[in-house]
Amino acid sequence: MNTQEIISEIQKLPFAERKKILSSLQDESVETMSEEEVQKILFSEGVIGNLPDLSAYTDDDDDFEPIEIEGEPVSETIIKERR
């Protein structure tokens, strides 16, 4: 769940629940909190139903290299076929 999705879910809550979450986050130093700590607070407050596996979200894609494909881009093929 990314930041925008979390904010969207929090905005759907009643005012009292949003205030409760905000106060619990303000008690902590939000700037120094890890993503895991924020997720745990949101889980304990009932904002999210489960804790995601954050190990799946790593930025270790440095060795990623796209595959070269000959021919025109797929997007152009789709546009031509729709005409």
N, C-alpha and C. Protein backbone atom coordinates (compact mmCIF):
# COMPACT_ATOMS: atom_id res chain seq x y z
N MET A 1 0.86 -1.16 0.00
CA MET A 1 0.00 0.00 0.00
C MET A 1 0.91 1.23 0.00
N ASN A 2 0.70 2.10 -0.97
CA ASN A 2 1.56 3.29 -1.03
C ASN A 2 0.96 4.43 -0.20
N THR A 3 1.69 5.51 -0.10
CA THR A 3 1.29 6.63 0.75
C THR A 3 -0.05 7.20 0.35
N GLN A 4 -0.27 7.37 -0.94
CA GLN A 4 -1.54 7.95 -1.40
C GLN A 4 -2.72 7.05 -1.05
N GLU A 5 -2.55 5.74 -1.15
CA GLU A 5 -3.62 4.82 -0.80
C GLU A 5 -3.92 4.88 0.70
N ILE A 6 -2.88 5.00 1.51
CA ILE A 6 -3.07 5.10 2.96
C ILE A 6 -3.82 6.38 3.29
N ILE A 7 -3.40 7.48 2.70
CA ILE A 7 -4.07 8.77 2.94
C ILE A 7 -5.52 8.70 2.51
N SER A 8 -5.77 8.08 1.38
CA SER A 8 -7.15 7.94 0.88
C SER A 8 -8.00 7.14 1.86
N GLU A 9 -7.44 6.06 2.40
CA GLU A 9 -8.18 5.24 3.35
C GLU A 9 -8.43 6.01 4.65
N ILE A 10 -7.45 6.76 5.10
CA ILE A 10 -7.61 7.54 6.32
C ILE A 10 -8.69 8.60 6.14
N GLN A 11 -8.74 9.22 4.96
CA GLN A 11 -9.74 10.25 4.70
C GLN A 11 -11.16 9.71 4.69
N LYS A 12 -11.32 8.42 4.46
CA LYS A 12 -12.64 7.79 4.45
C LYS A 12 -13.18 7.56 5.85
N LEU A 13 -12.31 7.63 6.84
CA LEU A 13 -12.71 7.36 8.22
C LEU A 13 -13.49 8.53 8.81
N PRO A 14 -14.30 8.25 9.82
CA PRO A 14 -14.98 9.33 10.53
C PRO A 14 -13.95 10.24 11.21
N PHE A 15 -14.34 11.47 11.47
CA PHE A 15 -13.44 12.46 12.03
C PHE A 15 -12.77 11.98 13.32
N ALA A 16 -13.53 11.35 14.21
CA ALA A 16 -12.97 10.90 15.49
C ALA A 16 -11.84 9.89 15.27
N GLU A 17 -12.01 8.99 14.29
CA GLU A 17 -10.97 8.00 14.01
C GLU A 17 -9.74 8.66 13.40
N ARG A 18 -9.96 9.62 12.48
CA ARG A 18 -8.82 10.33 11.88
C ARG A 18 -8.04 11.08 12.95
N LYS A 19 -8.76 11.72 13.87
CA LYS A 19 -8.12 12.48 14.94
C LYS A 19 -7.30 11.55 15.84
N LYS A 20 -7.84 10.38 16.12
CA LYS A 20 -7.16 9.40 16.96
C LYS A 20 -5.85 8.94 16.30
N ILE A 21 -5.90 8.67 15.00
CA ILE A 21 -4.71 8.24 14.27
C ILE A 21 -3.68 9.35 14.24
N LEU A 22 -4.12 10.56 13.96
CA LEU A 22 -3.21 11.70 13.90
C LEU A 22 -2.53 11.92 15.24
N SER A 23 -3.29 11.83 16.31
CA SER A 23 -2.69 12.04 17.63
C SER A 23 -1.69 10.95 17.96
N SER A 24 -1.97 9.72 17.57
CA SER A 24 -1.01 8.64 17.85
C SER A 24 0.25 8.81 17.02
N LEU A 25 0.13 9.31 15.80
CA LEU A 25 1.30 9.55 14.97
C LEU A 25 2.10 10.75 15.46
N GLN A 26 1.42 11.74 16.02
CA GLN A 26 2.12 12.91 16.50
C GLN A 26 2.88 12.63 17.79
N ASP A 27 2.43 11.62 18.52
CA ASP A 27 3.14 11.24 19.74
C ASP A 27 4.53 10.71 19.39
N GLU A 28 4.67 10.12 18.24
CA GLU A 28 5.94 9.60 17.77
C GLU A 28 6.61 10.67 16.91
N SER A 29 7.86 10.56 16.71
CA SER A 29 8.55 11.44 15.79
C SER A 29 8.39 10.85 14.40
N VAL A 30 7.43 11.33 13.65
CA VAL A 30 7.07 10.75 12.36
C VAL A 30 8.25 10.78 11.39
N GLU A 31 9.05 11.80 11.47
CA GLU A 31 10.18 11.92 10.55
C GLU A 31 11.18 10.79 10.73
N THR A 32 11.31 10.27 11.93
CA THR A 32 12.31 9.23 12.18
C THR A 32 11.72 7.82 12.17
N MET A 33 10.41 7.72 11.96
CA MET A 33 9.77 6.41 11.95
C MET A 33 10.02 5.69 10.63
N SER A 34 10.20 4.38 10.72
CA SER A 34 10.34 3.58 9.51
C SER A 34 8.95 3.27 8.97
N GLU A 35 8.91 2.82 7.73
CA GLU A 35 7.63 2.48 7.12
C GLU A 35 6.95 1.36 7.90
N GLU A 36 7.74 0.43 8.40
CA GLU A 36 7.20 -0.68 9.17
C GLU A 36 6.53 -0.19 10.45
N GLU A 37 7.13 0.79 11.12
CA GLU A 37 6.55 1.35 12.35
C GLU A 37 5.22 2.05 12.06
N VAL A 38 5.17 2.79 10.96
CA VAL A 38 3.93 3.47 10.59
C VAL A 38 2.85 2.43 10.28
N GLN A 39 3.22 1.38 9.53
CA GLN A 39 2.26 0.32 9.22
C GLN A 39 1.72 -0.33 10.49
N LYS A 40 2.59 -0.57 11.47
CA LYS A 40 2.16 -1.18 12.73
C LYS A 40 1.18 -0.29 13.48
N ILE A 41 1.42 1.02 13.47
CA ILE A 41 0.51 1.95 14.14
C ILE A 41 -0.84 1.94 13.43
N LEU A 42 -0.83 2.01 12.10
CA LEU A 42 -2.08 1.98 11.35
C LEU A 42 -2.83 0.67 11.57
N PHE A 43 -2.11 -0.43 11.68
CA PHE A 43 -2.73 -1.72 11.95
C PHE A 43 -3.35 -1.74 13.34
N SER A 44 -2.60 -1.24 14.32
CA SER A 44 -3.12 -1.25 15.70
C SER A 44 -4.33 -0.34 15.85
N GLU A 45 -4.40 0.71 15.03
CA GLU A 45 -5.55 1.62 15.08
C GLU A 45 -6.72 1.11 14.25
N GLY A 46 -6.51 0.02 13.52
CA GLY A 46 -7.58 -0.57 12.73
C GLY A 46 -7.77 0.09 11.36
N VAL A 47 -6.83 0.91 10.94
CA VAL A 47 -6.94 1.57 9.64
C VAL A 47 -6.70 0.58 8.51
N ILE A 48 -5.72 -0.29 8.69
CA ILE A 48 -5.46 -1.33 7.71
C ILE A 48 -5.72 -2.68 8.35
N GLY A 49 -6.13 -3.64 7.53
CA GLY A 49 -6.53 -4.94 8.04
C GLY A 49 -5.40 -5.93 8.23
N ASN A 50 -4.30 -5.72 7.55
CA ASN A 50 -3.17 -6.63 7.70
C ASN A 50 -1.88 -5.87 7.44
N LEU A 51 -0.80 -6.43 7.94
CA LEU A 51 0.51 -5.82 7.74
C LEU A 51 1.12 -6.40 6.47
N PRO A 52 1.44 -5.56 5.49
CA PRO A 52 2.02 -6.09 4.27
C PRO A 52 3.45 -6.58 4.49
N ASP A 53 3.87 -7.50 3.65
CA ASP A 53 5.24 -8.00 3.71
C ASP A 53 6.13 -6.98 3.02
N LEU A 54 6.78 -6.13 3.80
CA LEU A 54 7.59 -5.05 3.25
C LEU A 54 8.87 -5.54 2.60
N SER A 55 9.25 -6.78 2.87
CA SER A 55 10.46 -7.30 2.24
C SER A 55 10.26 -7.49 0.74
N ALA A 56 9.01 -7.57 0.31
CA ALA A 56 8.72 -7.71 -1.12
C ALA A 56 8.94 -6.40 -1.87
N TYR A 57 8.98 -5.29 -1.15
CA TYR A 57 9.14 -3.98 -1.77
C TYR A 57 10.55 -3.46 -1.55
N THR A 58 11.46 -3.97 -2.33
CA THR A 58 12.84 -3.51 -2.22
C THR A 58 13.20 -2.70 -3.45
N ASP A 59 14.18 -1.87 -3.31
CA ASP A 59 14.65 -1.05 -4.42
C ASP A 59 15.92 -1.66 -5.03
N ASP A 60 16.00 -2.96 -5.01
CA ASP A 60 17.19 -3.65 -5.51
C ASP A 60 17.05 -4.02 -6.98
N ASP A 61 16.49 -3.13 -7.77
CA ASP A 61 16.31 -3.37 -9.19
C ASP A 61 17.44 -2.76 -10.00
N ASP A 62 18.60 -2.58 -9.40
CA ASP A 62 19.73 -1.97 -10.09
C ASP A 62 20.21 -2.82 -11.26
N ASP A 63 20.03 -4.12 -11.16
CA ASP A 63 20.50 -5.00 -12.22
C ASP A 63 19.46 -5.24 -13.30
N PHE A 64 18.32 -4.55 -13.23
CA PHE A 64 17.26 -4.72 -14.22
C PHE A 64 17.69 -4.13 -15.56
N GLU A 65 17.53 -4.91 -16.61
CA GLU A 65 17.79 -4.43 -17.95
C GLU A 65 16.62 -4.84 -18.84
N PRO A 66 15.98 -3.88 -19.50
CA PRO A 66 14.83 -4.23 -20.35
C PRO A 66 15.26 -5.08 -21.55
N ILE A 67 14.33 -5.87 -22.02
CA ILE A 67 14.59 -6.74 -23.17
C ILE A 67 14.35 -5.94 -24.44
N GLU A 68 15.29 -5.99 -25.36
CA GLU A 68 15.16 -5.32 -26.64
C GLU A 68 14.26 -6.15 -27.55
N ILE A 69 13.24 -5.54 -28.11
CA ILE A 69 12.32 -6.22 -29.01
C ILE A 69 12.33 -5.47 -30.33
N GLU A 70 12.47 -6.22 -31.42
CA GLU A 70 12.48 -5.59 -32.73
C GLU A 70 11.06 -5.27 -33.18
N GLY A 71 10.94 -4.28 -34.04
CA GLY A 71 9.64 -3.91 -34.59
C GLY A 71 9.11 -2.67 -33.92
N GLU A 72 7.88 -2.32 -34.31
CA GLU A 72 7.29 -1.10 -33.76
C GLU A 72 6.81 -1.34 -32.32
N PRO A 73 6.68 -0.27 -31.56
CA PRO A 73 6.20 -0.41 -30.18
C PRO A 73 4.79 -1.00 -30.13
N VAL A 74 4.50 -1.75 -29.09
CA VAL A 74 3.20 -2.39 -28.93
C VAL A 74 2.09 -1.34 -28.90
N SER A 75 2.35 -0.18 -28.30
CA SER A 75 1.33 0.86 -28.23
C SER A 75 0.92 1.32 -29.63
N GLU A 76 1.87 1.41 -30.55
CA GLU A 76 1.54 1.82 -31.93
C GLU A 76 0.74 0.73 -32.62
N THR A 77 1.07 -0.51 -32.38
CA THR A 77 0.33 -1.63 -32.97
C THR A 77 -1.12 -1.61 -32.49
N ILE A 78 -1.33 -1.37 -31.22
CA ILE A 78 -2.69 -1.33 -30.67
C ILE A 78 -3.49 -0.19 -31.29
N ILE A 79 -2.87 0.97 -31.42
CA ILE A 79 -3.57 2.13 -32.01
C ILE A 79 -3.97 1.83 -33.45
N LYS A 80 -3.07 1.22 -34.23
CA LYS A 80 -3.37 0.89 -35.62
C LYS A 80 -4.52 -0.11 -35.70
N GLU A 81 -4.52 -1.13 -34.82
CA GLU A 81 -5.56 -2.17 -34.86
C GLU A 81 -6.91 -1.64 -34.43
N ARG A 82 -6.95 -0.60 -33.66
CA ARG A 82 -8.23 -0.03 -33.21
C ARG A 82 -8.88 0.84 -34.28
N ARG A 83 -8.11 1.24 -35.29
CA ARG A 83 -8.67 2.11 -36.35
C ARG A 83 -9.45 1.35 -37.34
